[in-house]
Protein backbone atom coordinates (compact mmCIF):
# COMPACT_ATOMS: atom_id res chain seq x y z
CA MET A 1 132.53 100.30 89.03
CA ARG A 2 130.32 99.49 86.34
CA GLN A 3 131.02 95.66 86.42
CA THR A 4 130.22 93.73 89.60
CA PHE A 5 132.20 90.31 90.74
CA ASP A 6 128.87 88.72 92.35
CA GLU A 7 127.11 85.74 91.32
CA THR A 8 123.25 86.32 90.13
CA THR A 9 122.72 82.55 90.43
CA ASP A 10 123.71 79.37 91.81
CA PRO A 11 123.12 75.51 91.31
CA SER A 12 120.59 75.48 93.63
CA PHE A 13 118.02 77.30 91.22
CA GLY A 14 117.24 73.80 89.44
CA SER A 15 116.17 72.33 92.58
CA ARG A 16 114.20 75.33 93.61
CA HIS A 17 112.67 76.35 90.55
CA LEU A 18 111.96 73.11 88.56
CA PRO A 19 109.04 71.88 90.71
CA LEU A 20 107.60 75.33 90.49
CA VAL A 21 107.47 75.02 86.93
CA ARG A 22 106.55 71.75 86.54
CA ALA A 23 103.51 72.57 88.55
CA ALA A 24 102.68 75.44 86.22
CA MET A 25 102.64 73.34 83.48
CA ALA A 26 100.50 70.71 84.92
CA GLU A 27 97.84 73.27 85.07
CA GLN A 28 97.98 73.74 81.51
CA GLY A 29 97.95 69.99 80.81
CA LEU A 30 101.55 70.09 79.80
CA ASP A 31 104.11 67.19 79.34
CA GLY A 32 106.96 69.26 78.44
CA PHE A 33 107.97 73.33 77.82
CA LEU A 34 110.82 75.02 75.73
CA VAL A 35 112.67 77.74 77.88
CA PRO A 36 114.83 79.60 75.33
CA HIS A 37 117.60 81.90 76.12
CA GLU A 38 116.26 84.69 73.82
CA ASP A 39 113.39 87.29 75.36
CA GLU A 40 110.69 88.94 73.23
CA HIS A 41 112.94 90.80 71.56
CA GLN A 42 115.13 88.01 70.62
CA ASN A 43 117.81 89.82 72.59
CA GLU A 44 121.32 88.18 73.28
CA TYR A 45 122.09 90.48 76.28
CA LEU A 46 118.96 90.38 78.18
CA PRO A 47 117.30 92.59 81.13
CA GLU A 48 116.92 90.91 84.46
CA ALA A 49 113.27 90.42 83.96
CA ASN A 50 113.63 88.37 81.03
CA ASP A 51 116.54 86.01 81.80
CA ARG A 52 113.99 83.23 82.26
CA LEU A 53 116.67 80.78 81.52
CA ALA A 54 119.03 81.95 84.27
CA TRP A 55 116.15 81.95 86.85
CA LEU A 56 114.99 78.48 86.04
CA THR A 57 118.62 76.80 85.56
CA GLY A 58 121.33 79.31 87.14
CA PHE A 59 123.32 79.33 83.45
CA THR A 60 124.05 82.86 82.86
CA GLY A 61 125.60 82.51 79.47
CA SER A 62 124.77 84.49 76.23
CA ALA A 63 123.54 81.47 74.38
CA GLY A 64 121.77 78.63 75.58
CA ALA A 65 118.31 76.93 75.85
CA GLY A 66 116.13 74.73 78.28
CA VAL A 67 113.58 71.87 78.06
CA VAL A 68 111.56 70.88 80.93
CA MET A 69 109.68 67.56 80.82
CA LYS A 70 107.69 66.07 83.74
CA ASP A 71 110.30 63.46 84.70
CA ARG A 72 113.50 65.17 83.21
CA ALA A 73 115.20 68.20 82.26
CA ALA A 74 117.91 69.62 79.70
CA VAL A 75 120.50 72.54 79.26
CA PHE A 76 122.02 73.17 75.82
CA THR A 77 125.03 75.51 75.62
CA ASP A 78 127.77 75.81 73.11
CA GLY A 79 131.64 75.06 72.80
CA ARG A 80 132.13 78.41 74.64
CA TYR A 81 130.23 77.83 77.84
CA THR A 82 131.12 73.91 78.47
CA VAL A 83 133.06 74.88 81.84
CA GLN A 84 130.71 77.43 82.76
CA VAL A 85 127.46 75.41 82.51
CA LYS A 86 129.18 72.52 84.73
CA ALA A 87 129.76 75.06 87.45
CA GLN A 88 126.88 77.09 87.41
CA VAL A 89 123.99 74.28 86.72
CA ASP A 90 123.02 71.15 89.04
CA ALA A 91 123.61 68.33 86.91
CA GLY A 92 121.56 66.24 89.16
CA GLN A 93 118.61 68.56 87.92
CA PHE A 94 119.51 69.17 84.24
CA GLU A 95 121.31 67.05 81.37
CA LEU A 96 123.89 69.23 79.95
CA ARG A 97 124.00 68.70 76.29
CA ASP A 98 125.81 70.38 73.13
CA LEU A 99 123.66 73.38 71.71
CA VAL A 100 125.07 72.92 68.29
CA GLU A 101 125.75 69.15 67.72
CA GLY A 102 121.83 67.93 67.67
CA GLY A 103 120.43 70.34 70.23
CA VAL A 104 117.24 71.07 71.41
CA PRO A 105 115.62 69.41 67.78
CA ALA A 106 117.23 66.17 68.80
CA TYR A 107 116.07 66.15 72.17
CA LEU A 108 112.72 66.67 71.21
CA GLU A 109 113.00 63.74 68.72
CA GLN A 110 113.23 61.45 71.88
CA ALA A 111 110.06 62.77 73.70
CA PRO A 112 107.32 60.28 74.55
CA LYS A 113 104.70 59.70 71.84
CA GLY A 114 101.68 61.99 72.26
CA ALA A 115 103.50 63.96 74.67
CA VAL A 116 102.19 67.94 74.60
CA ILE A 117 105.11 70.31 74.82
CA GLY A 118 104.42 74.04 75.57
CA TYR A 119 106.26 76.93 74.01
CA ASP A 120 105.41 80.62 74.31
CA PRO A 121 105.18 82.36 71.10
CA ARG A 122 106.53 85.51 72.10
CA LEU A 123 110.10 83.87 72.30
CA HIS A 124 110.51 81.74 69.41
CA SER A 125 111.04 83.04 65.62
CA PRO A 126 108.76 81.06 63.37
CA ASP A 127 111.97 79.76 61.44
CA ALA A 128 113.08 78.36 64.77
CA LEU A 129 109.84 76.92 65.58
CA ALA A 130 109.23 75.26 62.53
CA THR A 131 112.67 73.29 63.15
CA LEU A 132 111.28 72.11 66.61
CA ARG A 133 107.76 71.50 65.14
CA ARG A 134 109.54 68.50 62.73
CA ALA A 135 111.63 67.20 65.50
CA ALA A 136 108.48 66.82 68.11
CA GLY A 137 106.67 65.38 64.94
CA ARG A 138 109.00 62.67 64.37
CA ALA A 139 108.43 61.80 67.66
CA GLY A 140 104.96 61.74 67.62
CA ALA A 141 104.76 64.60 69.98
CA GLU A 142 102.95 67.83 69.65
CA LEU A 143 104.05 71.62 70.05
CA LYS A 144 101.38 73.63 71.73
CA PRO A 145 101.52 77.37 72.07
CA VAL A 146 100.70 78.93 75.72
CA GLU A 147 98.95 82.22 76.53
CA ALA A 148 100.63 81.97 80.30
CA ASN A 149 104.60 81.06 80.23
CA PRO A 150 104.77 78.52 82.87
CA VAL A 151 108.33 80.00 84.00
CA ASP A 152 106.59 83.40 84.15
CA VAL A 153 103.64 81.78 86.34
CA ALA A 154 106.28 79.99 88.40
CA TRP A 155 108.52 83.05 88.70
CA GLY A 156 105.52 85.25 90.08
CA LYS A 157 106.06 88.43 92.45
CA ALA A 158 109.55 87.52 92.67
CA ARG A 159 110.33 88.35 88.96
CA PRO A 160 111.73 91.95 88.37
CA ALA A 161 109.92 95.13 87.05
CA GLN A 162 110.68 95.42 83.08
CA PRO A 163 112.94 98.04 82.79
CA THR A 164 112.05 102.09 82.16
CA ALA A 165 114.95 103.78 81.30
CA PRO A 166 114.21 107.05 79.59
CA VAL A 167 114.53 106.91 75.59
CA VAL A 168 116.80 109.83 74.45
CA PRO A 169 117.89 111.27 71.19
CA HIS A 170 120.95 110.33 69.35
CA PRO A 171 121.99 113.54 67.55
CA GLU A 172 122.72 113.70 63.98
CA ARG A 173 125.97 114.46 64.56
CA TYR A 174 126.73 110.99 65.68
CA ALA A 175 123.94 109.13 63.52
CA GLY A 176 124.89 110.89 60.37
CA GLU A 177 121.34 110.93 58.99
CA SER A 178 117.94 112.52 60.35
CA SER A 179 115.38 109.86 61.21
CA ALA A 180 113.14 111.52 58.60
CA SER A 181 115.59 110.44 56.06
CA LYS A 182 115.95 106.95 57.24
CA ARG A 183 112.16 106.43 57.02
CA ALA A 184 111.73 107.71 53.81
CA ARG A 185 114.43 105.38 52.74
CA ILE A 186 113.20 102.34 54.75
CA GLY A 187 109.57 103.26 53.22
CA GLU A 188 110.92 102.74 49.63
CA ALA A 189 112.58 99.43 50.74
CA ILE A 190 109.32 98.50 51.99
CA ALA A 191 107.46 99.29 49.13
CA ARG A 192 110.04 97.45 46.96
CA ALA A 193 109.52 94.33 48.81
CA GLY A 194 106.09 94.34 48.04
CA ALA A 195 104.79 95.42 51.15
CA ASP A 196 102.57 98.36 52.45
CA ALA A 197 103.81 98.40 56.04
CA ALA A 198 106.72 96.53 58.15
CA VAL A 199 106.54 95.85 61.63
CA LEU A 200 109.92 96.06 63.51
CA THR A 201 110.81 94.29 66.77
CA ALA A 202 114.24 94.23 66.98
CA PRO A 203 115.44 97.07 69.75
CA ALA A 204 118.49 97.90 67.47
CA SER A 205 116.34 98.57 64.43
CA ILE A 206 114.11 100.87 66.42
CA ALA A 207 117.33 102.63 67.90
CA TRP A 208 119.01 103.42 64.26
CA LEU A 209 115.50 104.22 62.51
CA PHE A 210 114.41 106.58 65.12
CA ASN A 211 117.87 108.03 66.23
CA VAL A 212 117.15 107.20 69.94
CA ARG A 213 119.05 105.27 72.28
CA GLY A 214 117.87 103.62 75.63
CA GLY A 215 118.68 101.66 78.75
CA ASP A 216 116.61 98.53 78.91
CA VAL A 217 119.38 95.97 78.18
CA ILE A 218 122.64 95.61 80.06
CA ARG A 219 125.74 97.16 78.16
CA THR A 220 123.75 98.05 75.15
CA PRO A 221 121.76 101.42 74.56
CA LEU A 222 118.73 99.84 73.51
CA PRO A 223 114.98 100.64 74.07
CA LEU A 224 112.70 97.85 74.28
CA ALA A 225 110.05 98.77 71.87
CA GLN A 226 108.14 97.76 68.37
CA ALA A 227 107.22 99.98 65.37
CA ILE A 228 104.93 99.67 62.62
CA VAL A 229 106.48 101.50 59.62
CA GLU A 230 104.42 102.44 56.63
CA SER A 231 105.93 102.76 53.13
CA ASP A 232 105.45 106.68 53.04
CA GLY A 233 107.71 106.63 56.09
CA ARG A 234 104.93 107.45 58.78
CA ALA A 235 105.59 105.13 61.58
CA ARG A 236 103.69 104.32 64.91
CA LEU A 237 106.28 103.96 67.91
CA PHE A 238 105.04 101.31 70.59
CA LEU A 239 106.78 102.66 73.95
CA ASP A 240 106.18 102.41 77.63
CA PRO A 241 104.94 105.69 78.61
CA ALA A 242 107.37 105.67 81.80
CA LYS A 243 110.53 105.74 79.05
CA VAL A 244 108.86 108.68 77.02
CA THR A 245 110.98 111.95 77.88
CA ASN A 246 109.63 115.83 77.68
CA GLU A 247 112.19 116.23 74.27
CA LEU A 248 111.07 112.78 72.65
CA PRO A 249 108.00 113.73 70.89
CA GLY A 250 109.42 116.73 69.59
CA TRP A 251 112.58 114.82 68.56
CA LEU A 252 110.44 112.10 66.50
CA GLY A 253 108.24 114.74 64.98
CA ASP A 254 104.74 114.85 63.45
CA ALA A 255 105.12 111.89 61.42
CA VAL A 256 105.76 109.36 64.23
CA GLN A 257 103.05 108.68 66.85
CA VAL A 258 104.05 107.42 69.99
CA GLU A 259 101.58 104.73 71.62
CA GLY A 260 101.77 102.69 74.44
CA PRO A 261 102.64 98.95 74.16
CA ASP A 262 98.83 97.74 75.01
CA ALA A 263 98.03 99.57 71.62
CA LEU A 264 99.96 97.21 70.14
CA PRO A 265 97.48 94.12 69.43
CA SER A 266 94.91 96.24 68.17
CA ALA A 267 97.29 97.90 65.81
CA LEU A 268 98.70 94.72 64.49
CA HIS A 269 94.61 93.85 63.81
CA ALA A 270 94.09 97.03 61.98
CA LEU A 271 96.65 95.70 59.46
CA SER A 272 93.94 93.40 58.01
CA GLY A 273 93.90 92.94 54.13
CA ARG A 274 97.23 94.84 54.25
CA ARG A 275 100.63 93.43 52.77
CA VAL A 276 103.05 93.34 56.01
CA LEU A 277 106.84 92.93 55.63
CA ILE A 278 108.10 91.21 58.98
CA ASP A 279 111.65 89.37 59.68
CA PRO A 280 111.19 85.71 60.45
CA ALA A 281 114.74 85.70 61.81
CA GLN A 282 114.22 88.21 64.46
CA SER A 283 110.35 88.65 64.99
CA SER A 284 108.57 85.95 67.26
CA ALA A 285 105.87 83.72 65.96
CA TRP A 286 103.39 85.62 67.93
CA TYR A 287 103.54 88.53 65.42
CA PHE A 288 103.30 86.16 62.62
CA ASP A 289 100.24 84.94 64.27
CA ARG A 290 98.28 88.04 65.25
CA LEU A 291 98.88 89.19 61.67
CA GLU A 292 97.69 85.80 59.99
CA GLN A 293 94.73 86.11 62.59
CA ALA A 294 94.17 89.84 61.47
CA GLY A 295 93.99 88.51 57.80
CA ALA A 296 96.99 90.33 56.67
CA SER A 297 99.09 89.24 53.94
CA VAL A 298 102.46 88.19 55.33
CA VAL A 299 105.68 89.14 53.20
CA ARG A 300 108.67 87.55 54.85
CA ALA A 301 111.88 89.35 54.60
CA MET A 302 114.95 90.65 56.09
CA ASP A 303 114.12 93.65 58.45
CA PRO A 304 114.68 96.59 56.10
CA CYS A 305 116.68 98.30 58.78
CA THR A 306 119.28 95.39 59.35
CA LEU A 307 121.55 96.16 56.21
CA PRO A 308 121.26 100.12 56.41
CA ARG A 309 122.19 99.84 60.01
CA ALA A 310 124.98 97.36 59.55
CA THR A 311 126.68 99.38 56.34
CA LYS A 312 127.62 102.47 58.31
CA ASN A 313 127.73 105.94 56.67
CA ALA A 314 130.66 108.48 56.72
CA VAL A 315 129.91 110.13 59.94
CA GLU A 316 129.46 106.80 61.64
CA ILE A 317 132.61 105.53 60.60
CA GLU A 318 134.44 108.67 61.58
CA GLY A 319 132.87 108.28 64.75
CA SER A 320 134.18 104.72 65.31
CA ARG A 321 137.60 106.06 64.37
CA GLN A 322 137.65 108.84 66.77
CA ALA A 323 136.14 106.43 69.66
CA HIS A 324 138.77 103.79 69.03
CA ILE A 325 141.45 106.56 69.34
CA ARG A 326 140.12 107.75 72.63
CA ASP A 327 139.82 103.97 73.57
CA GLY A 328 143.15 103.33 72.40
CA ALA A 329 144.68 105.84 74.63
CA ALA A 330 143.05 104.12 77.48
CA LEU A 331 144.17 100.86 76.54
CA ALA A 332 147.77 102.01 76.31
CA ARG A 333 147.51 103.53 79.90
CA PHE A 334 146.13 100.08 80.94
CA LEU A 335 148.74 98.09 79.30
CA HIS A 336 151.48 100.04 80.63
CA TRP A 337 150.07 99.50 83.89
CA VAL A 338 150.10 95.75 83.38
CA ASP A 339 153.63 96.13 82.34
CA THR A 340 154.79 97.97 85.15
CA VAL A 341 152.77 97.80 88.34
CA ALA A 342 150.95 94.86 87.81
CA GLN A 343 154.15 92.65 86.82
CA VAL A 344 155.48 93.65 90.34
CA GLU A 345 152.23 93.48 92.55
CA LEU A 346 150.75 90.41 90.61
CA PRO A 347 147.08 91.56 91.19
CA ASP A 348 144.16 89.46 90.83
CA GLU A 349 141.62 89.61 87.96
CA ARG A 350 139.48 91.71 89.94
CA ALA A 351 142.02 94.89 89.99
CA VAL A 352 142.75 93.90 86.46
CA VAL A 353 138.98 94.74 85.41
CA GLN A 354 138.88 97.59 87.55
CA ALA A 355 141.98 99.02 86.31
CA LEU A 356 141.04 99.04 82.77
CA GLU A 357 137.29 100.32 83.49
CA ARG A 358 139.29 103.12 85.55
CA PHE A 359 141.26 104.14 82.29
CA ARG A 360 138.09 104.33 80.35
CA GLU A 361 136.15 106.42 82.66
CA GLU A 362 138.95 108.81 82.46
CA THR A 363 138.34 109.50 79.02
CA ARG A 364 135.37 111.17 80.42
CA ALA A 365 133.21 110.06 77.31
CA LEU A 366 132.49 106.45 78.50
CA LYS A 367 128.93 105.93 78.56
CA ASP A 368 129.28 102.16 79.67
CA LEU A 369 130.91 99.21 78.95
CA SER A 370 130.13 97.22 75.95
CA PHE A 371 130.23 94.01 77.51
CA ASP A 372 131.40 92.72 81.31
CA THR A 373 135.14 92.67 81.08
CA ILE A 374 136.73 89.44 80.54
CA ALA A 375 139.94 88.83 82.23
CA GLY A 376 141.48 85.53 82.64
CA VAL A 377 144.85 84.35 84.40
CA GLY A 378 146.49 81.23 83.74
CA PRO A 379 143.52 78.55 83.43
CA ASN A 380 140.58 81.09 83.53
CA ALA A 381 142.42 82.66 80.18
CA ALA A 382 141.38 79.05 78.76
CA LEU A 383 137.78 80.12 79.13
CA PRO A 384 137.01 82.28 75.86
CA HIS A 385 134.11 83.98 77.46
CA TYR A 386 135.35 83.68 81.43
CA ARG A 387 134.23 86.72 83.40
CA PRO A 388 135.92 87.00 86.88
CA VAL A 389 133.26 86.33 90.07
CA THR A 390 134.28 85.99 93.35
CA ARG A 391 134.43 82.20 93.48
CA THR A 392 136.79 82.24 90.69
CA ILE A 393 139.06 85.14 90.94
CA ARG A 394 142.89 84.04 90.50
CA ARG A 395 145.94 86.10 90.90
CA MET A 396 148.36 86.67 88.54
CA GLU A 397 151.41 84.26 88.40
CA ARG A 398 154.74 84.72 86.81
CA GLY A 399 155.00 82.32 83.84
CA SER A 400 151.30 82.97 83.00
CA LEU A 401 149.24 84.76 80.52
CA LEU A 402 146.87 87.34 81.16
CA LEU A 403 143.86 87.66 78.36
CA VAL A 404 141.66 90.91 78.69
CA ASP A 405 138.63 91.03 76.23
CA GLY A 406 136.84 94.37 76.81
CA GLY A 407 135.13 97.54 75.01
CA GLY A 408 133.44 100.82 75.67
CA GLN A 409 130.17 102.41 74.77
CA TYR A 410 130.87 105.85 73.57
CA LEU A 411 128.12 108.09 71.71
CA ASP A 412 130.45 108.04 68.47
CA GLY A 413 131.08 104.36 68.48
CA THR A 414 131.28 100.92 70.19
CA THR A 415 134.72 99.30 70.69
CA ASP A 416 135.97 95.89 71.60
CA VAL A 417 139.38 94.95 71.85
CA THR A 418 141.50 91.58 73.15
CA ARG A 419 144.97 91.76 74.09
CA THR A 420 147.04 88.97 75.64
CA MET A 421 150.16 89.67 77.95
CA ALA A 422 152.91 87.65 79.47
CA ILE A 423 153.35 87.72 82.87
CA GLY A 424 156.88 87.49 83.67
CA GLU A 425 159.11 85.68 80.90
CA PRO A 426 157.27 83.90 78.67
CA SER A 427 158.17 80.15 77.45
CA ALA A 428 158.85 79.36 74.01
CA ASP A 429 155.68 77.08 73.76
CA GLN A 430 153.65 80.38 74.86
CA ARG A 431 155.50 82.46 72.02
CA ARG A 432 155.00 80.02 69.27
CA MET A 433 151.08 79.76 69.90
CA PHE A 434 150.57 83.55 70.15
CA THR A 435 152.68 83.81 66.89
CA LEU A 436 150.50 81.45 65.28
CA VAL A 437 147.44 83.29 66.48
CA LEU A 438 149.24 86.52 65.38
CA LYS A 439 149.74 85.21 61.76
CA GLY A 440 145.94 84.38 61.36
CA HIS A 441 145.06 87.98 62.66
CA VAL A 442 147.21 89.46 60.11
CA ALA A 443 146.21 87.29 57.41
CA MET A 444 142.48 88.42 58.19
CA ALA A 445 143.65 92.04 58.60
CA THR A 446 145.31 92.31 54.98
CA VAL A 447 143.48 90.12 53.03
CA ARG A 448 141.65 91.69 49.74
CA PHE A 449 138.42 90.29 48.57
CA PRO A 450 136.02 90.82 45.62
CA ALA A 451 132.36 91.68 45.72
CA GLY A 452 130.10 89.43 47.08
CA THR A 453 132.67 87.65 49.14
CA THR A 454 131.05 86.34 52.67
CA GLY A 455 132.90 85.98 55.96
CA HIS A 456 132.14 82.52 56.07
CA GLN A 457 134.55 82.25 52.90
CA LEU A 458 137.30 84.26 54.53
CA ASP A 459 137.31 82.55 57.91
CA ALA A 460 139.64 79.91 56.54
CA LEU A 461 142.60 82.43 56.63
CA ALA A 462 142.80 83.11 60.13
CA ARG A 463 142.61 79.55 61.10
CA LEU A 464 145.22 78.33 58.35
CA PRO A 465 148.54 78.79 60.64
CA MET A 466 146.82 76.85 63.47
CA TRP A 467 145.50 74.49 61.19
CA MET A 468 148.83 73.50 59.43
CA ALA A 469 149.98 72.98 63.29
CA GLY A 470 147.18 70.77 63.96
CA LEU A 471 145.11 73.26 66.03
CA ASP A 472 141.86 75.08 66.27
CA TYR A 473 139.78 77.32 68.18
CA ASP A 474 136.11 76.91 68.96
CA HIS A 475 134.58 80.15 68.46
CA GLY A 476 133.95 82.53 65.42
CA THR A 477 136.71 84.46 64.18
CA GLY A 478 134.73 87.82 63.78
CA HIS A 479 131.24 89.40 64.56
CA GLY A 480 129.72 92.49 63.66
CA VAL A 481 129.79 95.61 65.78
CA GLY A 482 127.13 98.56 65.87
CA SER A 483 127.74 102.40 66.28
CA TYR A 484 126.93 103.03 69.74
CA LEU A 485 124.70 100.06 69.86
CA GLY A 486 125.24 96.29 70.23
CA VAL A 487 128.96 94.87 70.49
CA HIS A 488 127.52 92.03 68.64
CA GLU A 489 125.40 92.73 65.69
CA GLY A 490 124.31 90.87 62.38
CA PRO A 491 123.83 89.95 59.66
CA GLN A 492 127.62 89.88 58.98
CA ARG A 493 129.91 87.39 60.75
CA ILE A 494 133.45 85.54 60.25
CA ALA A 495 132.96 81.89 61.09
CA LYS A 496 132.99 78.48 60.19
CA ALA A 497 129.11 78.33 59.97
CA VAL A 498 127.66 79.39 56.63
CA ASN A 499 126.85 82.69 56.28
CA THR A 500 125.27 83.87 52.94
CA GLN A 501 125.61 87.96 53.62
CA PRO A 502 128.31 89.11 51.77
CA LEU A 503 130.58 91.87 53.25
CA LEU A 504 130.00 95.31 52.25
CA PRO A 505 131.55 98.84 52.62
CA GLY A 506 130.97 100.36 55.87
CA MET A 507 130.44 97.17 57.64
CA ILE A 508 132.51 96.91 61.11
CA VAL A 509 133.76 93.21 62.25
CA SER A 510 135.86 92.04 64.64
CA ASN A 511 139.17 90.06 63.84
CA GLU A 512 139.65 87.36 66.73
CA PRO A 513 141.50 84.30 66.37
CA GLY A 514 142.66 82.54 69.19
CA TYR A 515 143.99 79.59 71.30
CA TYR A 516 143.00 77.79 74.53
CA ARG A 517 145.13 75.23 76.33
CA GLU A 518 142.48 73.97 78.86
CA GLY A 519 143.78 74.15 82.29
CA HIS A 520 146.77 76.21 81.23
CA TRP A 521 146.41 79.82 79.42
CA GLY A 522 144.46 81.29 76.75
CA ILE A 523 145.30 83.64 73.85
CA ARG A 524 143.39 85.66 71.61
CA ILE A 525 144.01 89.15 69.31
CA GLU A 526 141.27 90.96 68.53
CA THR A 527 140.77 94.39 66.80
CA LEU A 528 137.84 95.81 64.76
CA GLN A 529 138.10 96.54 61.16
CA VAL A 530 135.85 98.18 58.60
CA VAL A 531 135.32 97.10 55.06
CA THR A 532 136.59 99.33 52.47
CA PRO A 533 135.18 100.24 49.17
CA ALA A 534 136.55 97.89 46.03
CA GLU A 535 139.61 99.70 44.67
CA PRO A 536 141.75 98.45 41.98
CA ILE A 537 144.68 96.26 42.61
CA PRO A 538 148.13 97.24 40.42
CA ASP A 539 147.91 95.06 37.29
CA GLY A 540 144.75 93.49 38.82
CA GLU A 541 141.65 92.74 36.55
CA ARG A 542 138.94 93.27 39.33
CA PRO A 543 138.72 95.94 42.22
CA MET A 544 138.97 94.58 45.77
CA HIS A 545 137.43 95.29 48.93
CA GLY A 546 139.81 94.98 52.29
CA PHE A 547 139.69 96.37 55.89
CA GLU A 548 140.61 99.58 57.49
CA GLN A 549 141.70 98.87 60.97
CA LEU A 550 140.10 100.77 63.84
CA THR A 551 141.43 99.53 66.95
CA PHE A 552 144.93 100.83 67.98
CA ALA A 553 146.83 99.08 70.85
CA PRO A 554 150.21 97.68 70.97
CA LEU A 555 150.81 93.78 70.82
CA ASP A 556 153.12 92.41 73.59
CA ARG A 557 156.39 92.26 71.89
CA ARG A 558 157.65 89.61 74.63
CA LEU A 559 155.28 86.88 73.06
CA VAL A 560 155.77 87.33 69.25
CA ASP A 561 158.35 84.86 67.98
CA VAL A 562 159.83 87.17 64.89
CA ASP A 563 161.18 83.91 63.43
CA LEU A 564 157.88 82.44 62.68
CA LEU A 565 156.83 85.45 60.76
CA THR A 566 157.31 86.21 57.12
CA ALA A 567 158.72 89.30 55.96
CA ASP A 568 155.35 90.57 54.75
CA GLU A 569 154.04 89.74 58.36
CA ARG A 570 156.84 91.53 60.39
CA ALA A 571 156.08 94.54 57.79
CA TYR A 572 152.22 94.94 58.75
CA VAL A 573 153.15 94.36 62.69
CA ASP A 574 155.62 97.37 62.24
CA ALA A 575 153.02 99.54 60.19
CA TYR A 576 150.58 98.66 62.59
CA HIS A 577 152.50 99.87 65.47
CA ALA A 578 153.73 102.89 63.75
CA GLU A 579 149.94 104.14 63.07
CA THR A 580 149.08 103.12 66.81
CA LEU A 581 151.97 105.75 68.06
CA ALA A 582 151.11 107.88 65.57
CA LYS A 583 147.35 107.98 66.64
CA VAL A 584 147.34 107.42 70.18
CA GLY A 585 150.99 108.95 71.22
CA PRO A 586 149.47 112.40 71.28
CA LEU A 587 146.96 111.64 74.06
CA LEU A 588 149.43 110.23 76.52
CA ASP A 589 151.46 111.69 79.12
CA SER A 590 155.20 111.48 78.82
CA GLU A 591 155.94 108.39 80.95
CA VAL A 592 153.03 106.24 79.07
CA LYS A 593 154.20 107.80 75.85
CA ALA A 594 157.68 106.74 76.14
CA TRP A 595 156.69 103.18 77.00
CA LEU A 596 154.42 103.36 74.12
CA GLU A 597 157.20 104.38 71.85
CA ALA A 598 159.28 101.20 72.98
CA GLN A 599 156.26 98.93 72.35
CA CYS A 600 156.15 100.25 68.69
CA ARG A 601 159.38 100.21 67.69
CA PRO A 602 160.11 97.83 64.40
CA LEU A 603 160.50 94.25 65.51
């Protein structure tokens, strides 16, 4: 099994570790210290050695922050983790606060006048740091960079070693473009931005630009590394020697110089007098400080790899199609198991996770999960980011709903799909709520939109059926997805929060509205879709973009209240199911194929 059900933290972490951190703070003359969830690479999913917030507090969610003061401390999380943080963190040690409403800045505004609050410049982007510095200033407090992170000092020898997974080539038959071609394009972009070179610190950009993959980050094939790329396409790649395989130097070619991470500070210093592009949203303040100290002219701009990586080429899109068809066959076998074996045996969430993983393994192409599978029964399904652990695992019960959200990492694509299934006969209320979610899902799948439209502008379409019923959900409607990279990839997203990035052809996004009734059950429907080129609309005046569906897995027909669907919505569901059967059916044995045919018949 790739996924385990063990809890790696417990609420006692606060009482055990806070005194150690405060002692390290005192040695540096600090009255407080900031502990973000992000690591030196601004990763969402972290290697164990960099999960400082979890070690300090016990909280293991993918978004959060902590602040430690001499006599008090706080943990900040968003709405996805309201229940989880209460279970994982000792509220006697940490005040539990909202990450979005006020967040860390509001907390700093209440700091004692004259307080010196430390931060590790490797862990904060300069943009985020500027907001925190202004908030502290309003309280008369000071933010001070530290060389030695008090959490790392307190963690000491017990801290795990940094990962050293081998870095391997990602062949052009999956990447669709050579690294040399990419570096030439990125070099031109650097020059257009008025820079001589760029510093890259995002592991996804490193993986994409050099056509390599690694294993330093859980569930994501990323190598932790940095690079300096010249405007002529030459590059220096800073990589732990333990990660360098025999084939790697030849794969990278003579225009890429591989060096150890110890050489990075001097390489940054050598950029003195040059114009250097670096992304203030993705790179930490440490790099900006070093470049300014070296006398470089800093050009603040988006990482030049971000948009080319997000706008998949034809080979990557076709790879994603094939990965989803393969994954769709595994999903069909899994959903057949749920509808037959599980409906009789009523297994627990552990068995559900194991079954889905087993079916994906049987494709013989699975490299890893794309994230730990979310499998929630009944009240657990009402927690949008619930992950089964031994303490919380529930068995299926008739009359409940099962929500399963999982994905796979394949060499040709990354998948992420959610289906909600009835256990036994669903209630009229469950069917109504499922169908409202479905109506929003269909609206997002079928929308046409002009060039320049952002995901923020589309988000309300998925919510409208629920809003009209006085309902909503507290997460985004869609996130970007990589090509055998991160299951969460920017800069595109579909959410209430303002996002200025237009949706461009080749961008892959999820479509996942939901509804969650706390203490009872939850519903989510998720597929991945890719933005299509703008095409004329009959009798229209402007060409319009749309979405091509990538995920193919049947919906639970028992949960669809057909009377609540319009004729167009019914037609879409029927067409989607017909396409699912056509693409996935040939990969199935006769028993599962017959089940799929029944599931995919017209509503």
